Amino acid sequence: MAPYAAHAQCLDMRRGDRLDWRFEASTALAFEIHYRESNALLAPVVRNATTDSGTFEAREPAAYCVTWEAGAAGATLAYRLLLRAATR
């Protein structure tokens, strides 16, 4: 990733779906999971300067975007997203 560049991966999630994420980067990155509701941008997961991994459960059906943002030095990024459908 170039300095201050962002990379996003978006996916549709239904209520109760779970998203497992893991990433490796050459430096800590800003990370968030967000979605739109009307004109509002809602971000239930926000991390600054992290190399975090975790699981997120959707509370609302929406198109969720996972976003990484590099700082001044730029970064290399490798990630894995695993969407687990809610049991109905």
Protein backbone atom coordinates (compact mmCIF):
# COMPACT_ATOMS: atom_id res chain seq x y z
CA MET A 1 0.00 0.00 0.00
CA ALA A 2 1.27 3.46 -0.87
CA PRO A 3 1.66 6.05 1.91
CA TYR A 4 -1.75 7.07 3.27
CA ALA A 5 -3.51 4.67 0.86
CA ALA A 6 -6.57 2.69 1.86
CA HIS A 7 -7.74 -0.75 0.81
CA ALA A 8 -11.35 -1.91 1.28
CA GLN A 9 -13.16 -5.21 0.84
CA CYS A 10 -16.97 -5.08 1.03
CA LEU A 11 -19.47 -7.90 1.48
CA ASP A 12 -23.17 -8.33 2.14
CA MET A 13 -24.01 -9.65 5.58
CA ARG A 14 -27.31 -10.70 7.13
CA ARG A 15 -28.25 -10.32 10.79
CA GLY A 16 -26.29 -12.91 12.78
CA ASP A 17 -23.64 -13.55 10.12
CA ARG A 18 -20.12 -13.59 11.54
CA LEU A 19 -16.97 -12.29 9.89
CA ASP A 20 -13.61 -13.63 11.04
CA TRP A 21 -10.69 -11.44 10.02
CA ARG A 22 -6.94 -11.80 10.27
CA PHE A 23 -4.23 -9.72 8.66
CA GLU A 24 -0.50 -9.23 8.63
CA ALA A 25 1.12 -5.94 7.71
CA SER A 26 4.66 -4.60 7.60
CA THR A 27 3.56 -1.88 10.03
CA ALA A 28 0.49 -1.24 12.17
CA LEU A 29 -2.52 0.04 10.17
CA ALA A 30 -5.77 1.84 10.86
CA PHE A 31 -8.57 -0.74 10.54
CA GLU A 32 -12.34 -0.54 10.59
CA ILE A 33 -15.53 -2.33 9.66
CA HIS A 34 -18.30 0.03 8.59
CA TYR A 35 -21.66 0.18 6.83
CA ARG A 36 -24.14 2.82 5.73
CA GLU A 37 -27.55 3.41 7.23
CA SER A 38 -29.37 6.13 5.28
CA ASN A 39 -26.88 9.03 5.17
CA ALA A 40 -24.89 7.86 8.20
CA LEU A 41 -21.65 5.90 8.10
CA LEU A 42 -21.60 3.54 11.11
CA ALA A 43 -18.38 1.85 12.20
CA PRO A 44 -18.93 -0.87 14.81
CA VAL A 45 -15.22 -1.83 14.73
CA VAL A 46 -12.48 0.83 14.74
CA ARG A 47 -8.81 0.21 15.54
CA ASN A 48 -5.93 2.67 15.24
CA ALA A 49 -2.40 1.43 14.60
CA THR A 50 -3.14 -2.28 14.90
CA THR A 51 -2.31 -5.70 13.55
CA ASP A 52 -5.48 -7.05 15.18
CA SER A 53 -7.59 -10.07 14.32
CA GLY A 54 -11.04 -10.97 15.52
CA THR A 55 -14.67 -11.79 14.84
CA PHE A 56 -17.54 -9.42 14.10
CA GLU A 57 -21.25 -10.34 14.21
CA ALA A 58 -23.66 -8.30 12.08
CA ARG A 59 -26.57 -6.84 14.02
CA GLU A 60 -28.17 -5.36 10.91
CA PRO A 61 -28.37 -6.68 7.34
CA ALA A 62 -26.14 -4.42 5.23
CA ALA A 63 -23.13 -4.18 2.93
CA TYR A 64 -20.19 -4.05 5.36
CA CYS A 65 -16.77 -2.79 4.29
CA VAL A 66 -13.53 -3.84 5.93
CA THR A 67 -10.94 -1.09 5.44
CA TRP A 68 -7.23 -0.78 6.13
CA GLU A 69 -5.37 2.53 5.89
CA ALA A 70 -1.59 2.96 5.81
CA GLY A 71 0.35 5.77 7.43
CA ALA A 72 3.22 7.85 6.07
CA ALA A 73 5.51 4.84 5.53
CA GLY A 74 3.02 2.82 3.47
CA ALA A 75 2.73 -0.92 4.14
CA THR A 76 2.48 -4.39 2.73
CA LEU A 77 -0.77 -6.15 3.64
CA ALA A 78 -1.94 -9.76 3.57
CA TYR A 79 -5.40 -10.59 4.89
CA ARG A 80 -8.03 -13.31 5.24
CA LEU A 81 -11.76 -12.75 5.65
CA LEU A 82 -14.07 -15.67 6.42
CA LEU A 83 -17.83 -15.07 6.34
CA ARG A 84 -19.82 -17.53 8.44
CA ALA A 85 -23.55 -17.56 7.72
CA ALA A 86 -25.90 -17.31 10.68
CA THR A 87 -27.59 -20.55 11.62
CA ARG A 88 -31.26 -20.22 10.80
